[in-house]
Amino acid sequence: MSAWTKPYHGVQHLNGLRAGFQITVYDRDGFAECLVFLPGHGFNAKRTHHADAAEARAHGEKQASELEARA
């Protein structure tokens, strides 16, 4: 299984995270966003902007490791 879901209209999610965590990448026109959702914070994600989707995915994977979010 891939670490990331297959892109769907520019949106990907990181697979294999513990309950309550979600990391999503939006590939926009000319930049990408990475949203990191934490347990207990509802829809209030930490949002960062990146040059492209590859950079945003790398940031998301780093966040997952730092937060010990992987299942």
C-alpha atoms as a PDB file:
ATOM      1  CA  MET A   1       0.000   0.000   0.000  1.00  0.00           C
ATOM      2  CA  SER A   2       1.268   3.440  -0.878  1.00  0.00           C
ATOM      3  CA  ALA A   3       1.948   5.896   1.908  1.00  0.00           C
ATOM      4  CA  TRP A   4      -0.377   8.362   0.159  1.00  0.00           C
ATOM      5  CA  THR A   5      -3.769   7.852  -1.410  1.00  0.00           C
ATOM      6  CA  LYS A   6      -4.032   8.210  -5.167  1.00  0.00           C
ATOM      7  CA  PRO A   7      -4.594  11.899  -6.055  1.00  0.00           C
ATOM      8  CA  TYR A   8      -8.262  12.758  -6.545  1.00  0.00           C
ATOM      9  CA  HIS A   9      -8.804  16.247  -7.945  1.00  0.00           C
ATOM     10  CA  GLY A  10      -5.457  17.265  -6.419  1.00  0.00           C
ATOM     11  CA  VAL A  11      -6.198  15.915  -2.928  1.00  0.00           C
ATOM     12  CA  GLN A  12      -4.203  13.182  -1.177  1.00  0.00           C
ATOM     13  CA  HIS A  13      -4.258  11.745   2.353  1.00  0.00           C
ATOM     14  CA  LEU A  14      -1.447  10.030   4.226  1.00  0.00           C
ATOM     15  CA  ASN A  15      -2.286   6.386   4.990  1.00  0.00           C
ATOM     16  CA  GLY A  16      -1.447   4.498   8.166  1.00  0.00           C
ATOM     17  CA  LEU A  17      -2.061   7.147  10.825  1.00  0.00           C
ATOM     18  CA  ARG A  18      -3.383   6.558  14.335  1.00  0.00           C
ATOM     19  CA  ALA A  19      -7.000   7.427  15.143  1.00  0.00           C
ATOM     20  CA  GLY A  20      -7.660  11.155  15.263  1.00  0.00           C
ATOM     21  CA  PHE A  21      -4.743  12.168  13.032  1.00  0.00           C
ATOM     22  CA  GLN A  22      -5.148  13.179   9.399  1.00  0.00           C
ATOM     23  CA  ILE A  23      -2.612  14.671   7.022  1.00  0.00           C
ATOM     24  CA  THR A  24      -3.925  16.005   3.728  1.00  0.00           C
ATOM     25  CA  VAL A  25      -2.188  17.610   0.759  1.00  0.00           C
ATOM     26  CA  TYR A  26      -4.007  19.904  -1.680  1.00  0.00           C
ATOM     27  CA  ASP A  27      -2.209  20.449  -4.992  1.00  0.00           C
ATOM     28  CA  ARG A  28      -3.318  23.948  -5.996  1.00  0.00           C
ATOM     29  CA  ASP A  29      -2.498  25.953  -9.117  1.00  0.00           C
ATOM     30  CA  GLY A  30       1.137  27.000  -8.583  1.00  0.00           C
ATOM     31  CA  PHE A  31       1.531  25.816  -4.970  1.00  0.00           C
ATOM     32  CA  ALA A  32       0.441  23.091  -2.558  1.00  0.00           C
ATOM     33  CA  GLU A  33      -0.954  23.068   0.977  1.00  0.00           C
ATOM     34  CA  CYS A  34      -0.383  20.535   3.738  1.00  0.00           C
ATOM     35  CA  LEU A  35      -3.030  20.287   6.449  1.00  0.00           C
ATOM     36  CA  VAL A  36      -2.232  18.449   9.679  1.00  0.00           C
ATOM     37  CA  PHE A  37      -5.262  17.560  11.815  1.00  0.00           C
ATOM     38  CA  LEU A  38      -4.608  16.520  15.423  1.00  0.00           C
ATOM     39  CA  PRO A  39      -6.825  14.515  17.789  1.00  0.00           C
ATOM     40  CA  GLY A  40      -9.166  16.706  19.805  1.00  0.00           C
ATOM     41  CA  HIS A  41      -8.756  19.778  17.583  1.00  0.00           C
ATOM     42  CA  GLY A  42     -11.722  19.155  15.290  1.00  0.00           C
ATOM     43  CA  PHE A  43     -11.396  20.858  11.915  1.00  0.00           C
ATOM     44  CA  ASN A  44      -8.668  23.256  13.085  1.00  0.00           C
ATOM     45  CA  ALA A  45      -5.687  22.054  11.081  1.00  0.00           C
ATOM     46  CA  LYS A  46      -2.166  23.429  10.981  1.00  0.00           C
ATOM     47  CA  ARG A  47      -1.896  24.662   7.373  1.00  0.00           C
ATOM     48  CA  THR A  48       1.407  25.217   5.565  1.00  0.00           C
ATOM     49  CA  HIS A  49       2.116  26.320   1.982  1.00  0.00           C
ATOM     50  CA  HIS A  50       4.748  24.679  -0.243  1.00  0.00           C
ATOM     51  CA  ALA A  51       6.174  25.081  -3.745  1.00  0.00           C
ATOM     52  CA  ASP A  52       4.645  21.815  -4.985  1.00  0.00           C
ATOM     53  CA  ALA A  53       2.841  18.644  -3.887  1.00  0.00           C
ATOM     54  CA  ALA A  54       6.061  16.645  -3.460  1.00  0.00           C
ATOM     55  CA  GLU A  55       7.371  19.194  -0.960  1.00  0.00           C
ATOM     56  CA  ALA A  56       4.014  19.253   0.845  1.00  0.00           C
ATOM     57  CA  ARG A  57       3.955  15.428   1.084  1.00  0.00           C
ATOM     58  CA  ALA A  58       7.519  15.413   2.463  1.00  0.00           C
ATOM     59  CA  HIS A  59       6.453  17.956   5.089  1.00  0.00           C
ATOM     60  CA  GLY A  60       3.407  15.845   5.970  1.00  0.00           C
ATOM     61  CA  GLU A  61       5.524  12.716   6.396  1.00  0.00           C
ATOM     62  CA  LYS A  62       7.970  14.618   8.607  1.00  0.00           C
ATOM     63  CA  GLN A  63       5.076  15.892  10.743  1.00  0.00           C
ATOM     64  CA  ALA A  64       3.692  12.351  11.082  1.00  0.00           C
ATOM     65  CA  SER A  65       7.064  11.146  12.342  1.00  0.00           C
ATOM     66  CA  GLU A  66       7.587  14.067  14.725  1.00  0.00           C
ATOM     67  CA  LEU A  67       4.059  13.707  16.154  1.00  0.00           C
ATOM     68  CA  GLU A  68       4.395   9.910  16.389  1.00  0.00           C
ATOM     69  CA  ALA A  69       1.152   9.745  14.417  1.00  0.00           C
ATOM     70  CA  ARG A  70       1.869   6.549  12.493  1.00  0.00           C
ATOM     71  CA  ALA A  71      -0.127   3.487  13.500  1.00  0.00           C
END
